[in-house]
Protein backbone atom coordinates (compact mmCIF):
# COMPACT_ATOMS: atom_id res chain seq x y z
CA UNK A 1 96.48 -35.87 62.50
CA UNK A 2 99.90 -37.11 63.07
CA UNK A 3 102.46 -34.91 64.58
CA UNK A 4 104.96 -34.50 61.74
CA UNK A 5 101.54 -33.65 59.29
CA UNK A 6 100.91 -30.77 61.90
CA UNK A 7 104.92 -29.85 61.71
CA UNK A 8 104.77 -29.96 58.12
CA UNK A 9 101.68 -27.81 58.04
CA UNK A 10 102.80 -25.23 60.51
CA UNK A 11 105.95 -24.72 58.14
CA UNK A 12 103.86 -24.02 54.89
CA UNK A 13 101.82 -21.44 57.00
CA UNK A 14 105.10 -19.73 58.07
CA UNK A 15 106.52 -19.77 54.57
CA UNK A 16 103.21 -18.25 53.25
CA UNK A 17 103.22 -15.50 55.75
CA UNK A 18 107.02 -14.94 55.33
CA UNK A 19 106.56 -14.62 51.45
CA UNK A 20 103.39 -12.34 52.27
CA UNK A 21 105.68 -10.24 54.12
CA UNK A 22 108.54 -9.76 51.77
CA UNK A 23 105.89 -8.86 48.99
CA UNK A 24 104.48 -6.44 51.30
CA UNK A 25 108.02 -4.96 51.71
CA UNK A 26 108.69 -4.63 48.24
CA UNK A 27 105.43 -3.25 47.29
CA UNK A 28 105.81 -0.61 50.09
CA UNK A 29 109.34 0.20 48.30
CA UNK A 30 108.29 0.40 45.26
CA UNK A 31 105.38 2.97 45.88
CA UNK A 32 108.05 4.84 47.82
CA UNK A 33 110.17 4.61 45.23
CA UNK A 34 107.42 5.88 42.72
CA UNK A 35 106.52 8.78 45.00
CA UNK A 36 110.06 9.91 45.43
CA UNK A 37 110.68 9.94 41.83
CA UNK A 38 108.61 12.84 40.98
CA UNK A 39 110.22 15.12 44.00
CA UNK A 40 113.81 14.16 42.80
CA UNK A 41 112.86 14.77 39.00
CA UNK A 42 111.43 17.93 39.93
CA UNK A 43 114.31 19.01 41.98
CA UNK A 44 116.57 18.04 39.26
CA UNK A 45 114.79 19.82 36.63
CA UNK A 46 114.25 23.20 38.57
CA UNK A 47 118.11 22.95 38.82
CA UNK A 48 118.88 22.19 35.13
CA UNK A 49 116.45 24.63 34.12
CA UNK A 50 116.91 27.15 36.57
CA UNK A 51 117.48 31.09 36.24
CA UNK A 52 120.92 32.47 37.43
CA UNK A 53 120.81 36.18 37.96
CA UNK A 54 123.86 38.30 38.14
CA UNK A 55 123.72 40.99 40.88
CA UNK A 56 126.02 43.65 41.79
CA UNK A 57 126.17 45.62 45.23
CA UNK A 58 127.62 48.87 45.63
CA UNK A 59 129.44 47.37 48.63
CA UNK A 60 133.36 47.46 47.77
CA UNK A 61 134.56 45.20 50.73
CA UNK A 62 133.74 44.30 54.32
CA UNK A 63 130.65 43.41 56.28
CA UNK A 64 128.36 44.98 53.85
CA UNK A 65 130.02 42.67 50.60
CA UNK A 66 130.04 39.70 53.08
CA UNK A 67 126.25 40.28 54.14
CA UNK A 68 125.13 40.44 50.64
CA UNK A 69 127.10 37.38 49.51
CA UNK A 70 125.94 35.48 52.15
CA UNK A 71 122.35 36.24 51.48
CA UNK A 72 122.80 35.46 47.63
CA UNK A 73 124.16 32.04 48.32
CA UNK A 74 121.00 31.13 50.20
CA UNK A 75 118.69 31.76 47.42
CA UNK A 76 119.62 28.49 45.40
CA UNK A 77 118.56 26.19 48.28
CA UNK A 78 115.18 28.20 49.15
CA UNK A 79 114.10 28.00 45.68
CA UNK A 80 115.43 24.20 45.10
CA UNK A 81 117.41 25.49 42.36
CA UNK A 82 114.91 27.36 40.55
CA UNK A 83 116.62 30.39 40.94
CA UNK A 84 120.27 31.52 41.71
CA UNK A 85 121.90 34.84 42.57
CA UNK A 86 125.41 35.28 41.50
CA UNK A 87 126.36 38.27 43.84
CA UNK A 88 129.39 40.59 42.72
CA UNK A 89 130.95 43.33 44.55
CA UNK A 90 131.54 46.95 43.64
CA UNK A 91 133.01 47.40 40.34
CA UNK A 92 133.49 43.55 39.68
CA UNK A 93 131.26 43.82 36.52
CA UNK A 94 130.74 47.55 36.09
CA UNK A 95 131.53 50.76 37.81
CA UNK A 96 128.97 51.89 40.71
CA UNK A 97 127.54 54.56 38.43
CA UNK A 98 126.88 52.43 35.40
CA UNK A 99 124.83 49.76 37.14
CA UNK A 100 121.72 51.71 36.25
CA UNK A 101 122.40 51.14 32.60
CA UNK A 102 123.88 47.84 33.06
CA UNK A 103 120.55 46.33 34.59
CA UNK A 104 118.63 48.15 32.30
CA UNK A 105 120.50 47.10 29.13
CA UNK A 106 120.96 43.19 30.40
CA UNK A 107 124.42 43.14 31.53
CA UNK A 108 123.41 42.80 34.97
CA UNK A 109 119.99 41.11 35.78
CA UNK A 110 119.80 43.14 39.32
CA UNK A 111 121.78 45.62 41.37
CA UNK A 112 121.84 46.24 45.24
CA UNK A 113 122.62 50.08 44.79
CA UNK A 114 122.59 53.12 47.20
CA UNK A 115 119.15 54.33 45.74
CA UNK A 116 120.56 57.97 46.09
CA UNK A 117 122.95 57.39 43.21
CA UNK A 118 120.27 57.88 40.58
CA UNK A 119 119.24 61.53 41.63
CA UNK A 120 120.83 62.86 38.27
CA UNK A 121 118.49 60.86 36.16
CA UNK A 122 115.32 60.85 38.50
CA UNK A 123 114.86 63.69 41.00
CA UNK A 124 112.20 61.21 42.85
CA UNK A 125 115.25 59.17 43.80
CA UNK A 126 116.26 61.61 46.39
CA UNK A 127 113.40 61.16 48.44
CA UNK A 128 113.56 57.45 48.17
CA UNK A 129 116.55 57.42 50.53
CA UNK A 130 117.56 59.41 53.35
CA UNK A 131 118.07 63.19 52.77
CA UNK A 132 119.01 66.21 54.95
CA UNK A 133 116.91 66.62 57.99
CA UNK A 134 114.30 64.48 56.67
CA UNK A 135 112.93 60.98 58.20
CA UNK A 136 115.36 59.68 61.03
CA UNK A 137 114.71 56.04 62.07
CA UNK A 138 114.30 52.73 59.77
CA UNK A 139 110.83 51.97 60.95
CA UNK A 140 109.63 55.65 59.48
CA UNK A 141 110.97 54.69 55.98
CA UNK A 142 109.19 51.37 56.48
CA UNK A 143 106.00 53.50 57.02
CA UNK A 144 106.48 55.74 53.82
CA UNK A 145 107.25 52.61 51.76
CA UNK A 146 104.54 49.88 52.68
CA UNK A 147 101.91 51.89 54.36
CA UNK A 148 101.95 55.33 52.60
CA UNK A 149 102.13 54.38 48.94
CA UNK A 150 106.33 54.94 48.56
CA UNK A 151 106.77 51.73 47.26
CA UNK A 152 103.77 51.81 44.32
CA UNK A 153 105.55 55.40 43.51
CA UNK A 154 109.01 54.23 43.23
CA UNK A 155 107.80 50.86 41.10
CA UNK A 156 106.07 53.15 38.88
CA UNK A 157 109.34 55.66 38.77
CA UNK A 158 111.57 52.56 37.98
CA UNK A 159 109.09 51.02 35.44
CA UNK A 160 109.36 54.06 33.24
CA UNK A 161 113.27 53.33 33.16
CA UNK A 162 112.67 49.36 32.23
CA UNK A 163 113.32 48.57 35.91
CA UNK A 164 111.55 47.00 38.47
CA UNK A 165 112.10 48.25 42.16
CA UNK A 166 111.66 45.26 44.69
CA UNK A 167 111.96 47.14 47.80
CA UNK A 168 114.26 49.29 50.20
CA UNK A 169 117.10 47.63 52.13
CA UNK A 170 118.35 49.31 55.38
CA UNK A 171 122.27 49.31 56.44
CA UNK A 172 122.24 52.47 58.99
CA UNK A 173 123.52 56.16 59.12
CA UNK A 174 126.18 57.79 57.18
CA UNK A 175 129.19 59.39 58.96
CA UNK A 176 131.97 61.73 58.29
CA UNK A 177 135.48 61.27 58.48
CA UNK A 178 138.18 63.81 58.28
CA UNK A 179 141.90 64.72 58.24
CA UNK A 180 140.95 67.87 60.63
CA UNK A 181 138.59 68.48 63.54
CA UNK A 182 134.86 69.22 62.49
CA UNK A 183 133.10 70.44 65.58
CA UNK A 184 130.65 73.10 63.95
CA UNK A 185 129.10 73.86 60.77
CA UNK A 186 131.70 76.39 60.20
CA UNK A 187 134.53 74.05 60.13
CA UNK A 188 133.24 72.63 56.69
CA UNK A 189 134.21 75.73 54.82
CA UNK A 190 136.76 75.40 52.17
CA UNK A 191 137.20 71.81 52.99
CA UNK A 192 137.50 69.25 49.81
CA UNK A 193 134.46 66.64 50.98
CA UNK A 194 133.52 63.65 49.34
CA UNK A 195 129.38 63.21 49.26
CA UNK A 196 127.28 60.77 47.36
CA UNK A 197 125.75 63.31 45.28
CA UNK A 198 122.02 64.79 45.17
CA UNK A 199 120.58 67.22 47.84
CA UNK A 200 123.40 66.17 50.17
CA UNK A 201 125.80 67.37 48.11
CA UNK A 202 123.91 70.69 47.73
CA UNK A 203 123.76 71.14 51.64
CA UNK A 204 127.49 70.86 52.31
CA UNK A 205 127.70 73.29 49.31
CA UNK A 206 125.79 75.91 50.89
CA UNK A 207 127.93 75.20 54.24
CA UNK A 208 131.07 76.09 52.24
CA UNK A 209 132.72 72.87 51.35
CA UNK A 210 134.15 72.12 47.85
CA UNK A 211 132.34 68.90 47.60
CA UNK A 212 133.16 65.96 44.76
CA UNK A 213 130.89 62.89 43.77
CA UNK A 214 132.89 59.63 44.16
CA UNK A 215 131.65 55.99 44.56
CA UNK A 216 132.77 54.20 47.87
CA UNK A 217 135.42 52.22 46.38
CA UNK A 218 137.57 55.52 45.45
CA UNK A 219 137.26 57.16 48.69
CA UNK A 220 140.36 55.71 50.38
CA UNK A 221 142.83 56.57 47.54
CA UNK A 222 141.14 59.99 47.38
CA UNK A 223 142.27 60.59 51.13
CA UNK A 224 145.51 59.18 51.22
CA UNK A 225 146.23 61.31 48.28
CA UNK A 226 144.86 64.22 49.66
CA UNK A 227 142.59 64.92 46.97
CA UNK A 228 140.00 65.22 49.23
CA UNK A 229 140.27 65.79 53.26
CA UNK A 230 136.66 65.15 54.39
CA UNK A 231 134.35 62.10 53.19
CA UNK A 232 131.26 60.95 54.03
CA UNK A 233 130.62 57.41 53.55
CA UNK A 234 128.46 54.88 55.63
CA UNK A 235 128.74 53.41 58.89
CA UNK A 236 132.02 52.74 61.21
CA UNK A 237 132.19 48.73 60.33
CA UNK A 238 132.26 49.15 56.53
CA UNK A 239 134.69 52.16 56.85
CA UNK A 240 137.12 50.58 59.09
CA UNK A 241 137.46 47.73 56.76
CA UNK A 242 138.20 50.13 54.10
CA UNK A 243 140.93 51.37 56.00
CA UNK A 244 139.62 54.95 56.83
CA UNK A 245 141.29 55.16 59.89
CA UNK A 246 144.74 54.74 58.38
CA UNK A 247 144.04 58.20 56.14
CA UNK A 248 141.96 60.02 58.45
CA UNK A 249 142.24 61.18 62.23
CA UNK A 250 138.57 62.48 63.17
CA UNK A 251 134.99 60.98 62.68
CA UNK A 252 132.38 64.01 62.77
CA UNK A 253 129.07 62.94 64.24
CA UNK A 254 125.45 64.78 65.18
CA UNK A 255 124.66 65.74 68.58
CA UNK A 256 124.03 62.60 71.07
CA UNK A 257 121.13 60.29 69.58
CA UNK A 258 121.15 61.99 66.17
CA UNK A 259 124.27 59.89 64.52
CA UNK A 260 123.90 61.71 61.25
CA UNK A 261 122.33 64.96 60.67
CA UNK A 262 122.10 64.91 56.80
CA UNK A 263 121.75 60.77 55.87
CA UNK A 264 120.57 58.86 59.45
CA UNK A 265 119.10 56.12 57.29
CA UNK A 266 120.85 55.65 54.13
CA UNK A 267 118.90 53.21 52.00
CA UNK A 268 120.09 50.86 49.58
CA UNK A 269 117.58 49.16 47.54
CA UNK A 270 117.07 45.58 45.12
CA UNK A 271 116.05 46.52 41.55
CA UNK A 272 115.88 44.33 38.44
CA UNK A 273 115.75 44.42 34.91
CA UNK A 274 112.46 44.19 33.50
CA UNK A 275 113.12 41.33 31.22
CA UNK A 276 114.44 39.38 33.97
CA UNK A 277 111.57 40.04 36.32
CA UNK A 278 108.88 39.25 33.93
CA UNK A 279 110.57 35.88 33.18
CA UNK A 280 109.83 34.67 36.98
CA UNK A 281 106.58 33.01 37.76
CA UNK A 282 104.02 34.77 40.02
CA UNK A 283 105.17 32.74 42.89
CA UNK A 284 108.65 33.39 42.27
CA UNK A 285 108.27 37.00 42.09
CA UNK A 286 106.37 36.75 45.29
CA UNK A 287 109.26 34.98 46.67
CA UNK A 288 111.97 37.86 45.99
CA UNK A 289 109.99 40.57 47.18
CA UNK A 290 109.75 38.81 50.26
CA UNK A 291 113.24 37.87 50.45
CA UNK A 292 114.19 41.82 50.47
CA UNK A 293 112.50 42.02 53.81
CA UNK A 294 114.68 39.41 55.16
CA UNK A 295 117.57 40.78 53.63
CA UNK A 296 117.07 44.35 54.81
CA UNK A 297 116.70 42.55 58.20
CA UNK A 298 119.79 40.92 58.05
CA UNK A 299 121.48 43.71 56.59
CA UNK A 300 120.61 46.06 59.00
CA UNK A 301 121.33 44.26 62.40
CA UNK A 302 124.74 42.49 60.82
CA UNK A 303 125.81 46.16 60.04
CA UNK A 304 124.62 47.42 63.42
CA UNK A 305 126.43 44.72 65.39
CA UNK A 306 129.69 45.11 63.37
CA UNK A 307 129.34 48.82 63.82
CA UNK A 308 129.83 48.40 67.77
CA UNK A 309 132.76 46.02 67.18
CA UNK A 310 134.31 49.08 65.04
CA UNK A 311 133.89 51.76 67.66
CA UNK A 312 136.33 50.02 69.69
CA UNK A 313 138.79 49.60 66.82
CA UNK A 314 138.67 52.94 65.58
CA UNK A 315 139.47 53.96 69.42
CA UNK A 316 142.28 51.91 69.49
CA UNK A 317 143.61 53.35 66.16
CA UNK A 318 143.60 56.63 67.64
CA UNK A 319 140.61 58.23 66.10
CA UNK A 320 138.67 61.16 67.88
CA UNK A 321 134.91 61.60 67.80
CA UNK A 322 133.68 65.17 67.47
CA UNK A 323 129.77 66.00 67.73
CA UNK A 324 128.08 68.86 66.18
CA UNK A 325 125.71 71.03 68.54
CA UNK A 326 121.71 71.29 68.47
CA UNK A 327 122.75 75.01 67.07
CA UNK A 328 124.21 72.90 63.83
CA UNK A 329 121.43 71.40 63.41
CA UNK A 330 118.94 74.03 63.34
CA UNK A 331 121.81 76.13 60.84
CA UNK A 332 121.76 72.68 58.72
CA UNK A 333 117.89 72.44 58.83
CA UNK A 334 117.66 76.25 57.65
CA UNK A 335 120.07 75.36 54.67
CA UNK A 336 117.90 71.92 54.02
CA UNK A 337 114.27 73.34 53.78
CA UNK A 338 114.82 75.29 50.31
CA UNK A 339 116.49 72.19 49.18
CA UNK A 340 113.86 70.03 49.98
CA UNK A 341 111.34 72.23 47.81
CA UNK A 342 114.10 72.55 45.01
CA UNK A 343 114.38 68.94 44.49
CA UNK A 344 110.47 68.51 44.95
CA UNK A 345 109.63 70.81 42.10
CA UNK A 346 111.97 69.28 39.50
CA UNK A 347 109.62 66.88 38.75
CA UNK A 348 105.83 65.49 39.42
CA UNK A 349 106.81 62.40 41.04
CA UNK A 350 109.50 63.95 43.33
CA UNK A 351 106.68 66.25 44.50
CA UNK A 352 104.34 63.30 45.13
CA UNK A 353 107.15 61.57 47.24
CA UNK A 354 108.11 64.54 49.11
CA UNK A 355 104.51 65.85 49.88
CA UNK A 356 103.98 62.24 51.57
CA UNK A 357 106.76 62.55 53.76
CA UNK A 358 106.29 66.18 54.55
CA UNK A 359 102.70 65.36 55.80
CA UNK A 360 104.11 62.74 57.82
CA UNK A 361 107.13 64.65 59.10
CA UNK A 362 104.39 67.38 60.36
CA UNK A 363 102.08 64.92 61.58
CA UNK A 364 101.85 64.29 65.44
CA UNK A 365 103.32 60.94 65.27
CA UNK A 366 107.01 62.92 64.44
CA UNK A 367 106.51 66.56 64.65
CA UNK A 368 110.04 67.18 62.65
CA UNK A 369 108.61 70.03 60.83
CA UNK A 370 106.62 72.98 61.79
CA UNK A 371 104.67 75.22 59.60
CA UNK A 372 107.14 78.13 60.69
CA UNK A 373 109.93 76.17 59.22
CA UNK A 374 108.27 75.99 55.45
CA UNK A 375 106.67 79.37 55.44
CA UNK A 376 107.26 80.77 52.29
CA UNK A 377 107.85 77.28 50.33
CA UNK A 378 105.40 75.82 48.10
CA UNK A 379 105.23 72.84 45.64
CA UNK A 380 104.42 73.18 41.81
CA UNK A 381 102.41 69.62 42.25
CA UNK A 382 100.39 68.53 45.24
């Protein structure tokens, strides 16, 4: 074979190989495009057909509201647009105490309230959040909800009102701000005091305070005007952001290691209107339920971190911290025990919730309650 014939043949083979490579590249690209197309289509379709929930929290501002809105903003990405949470602060859509009806009637899809707010509607809700001299630590409430039947009981209770209780959300203890020093239980006598209602209100009334029910957003102006001179609300970080250091000089705490004797674990929750809940797919329902655990952890840890920073600010503002004594704890316990039973005997659901907690508090695990403490008290339902 001649040299130029060999060269020509090699050029032909090179051209064939090049053509084959181009063909393969185009083929791979076409397959990749075809494979990617459904994924892109699905995400866009989900976004176009996605569900948006309007959710209002009880937080009027501060770190609580920030954590709530930050969490809401993560949902759309986590679900590829299938579900969006549009978060609103306290009173942005309706008043705090109107949220229950707003969710029930579809004005809101969901709410993030303090569970205790519904004590007047559902007596059992008193036992779905921290109450005086009861379970003292977040993990104890997790045991109640996720191991001892509390979650099932709560869901049944809210379902009777057209709502779906997704789960509890931790934030921390409540503390007391005051214009005057409170160093013992006797110092509450005659004081005009804001409380959240329910058993907490009755406890301080029994201690001699003149109690009134106000949402968190109305506490500062009430203190500023002198309508009240003592106020219970949440923890240091939120209360500092709301300006309580500007209108009070004192913070009253429990004994060392017992930050709040009346609400050491003030629980919030996520509750959804039944119509909005039932519109979700089973997979999305499971996602929302798991997200409540995520939010609860973020919420609790974020607020505790901010609380540590807030104590420094209160100190710089000249706020004085006073502490009740162990003797005061005993006196408050003596007042609280009859209230436990009064509320538990309001209906069967309340009795069921309380009995679970009472058995737990009397168990070897905790030992908070002894038989002598409840002597003479009885439950209508057991």
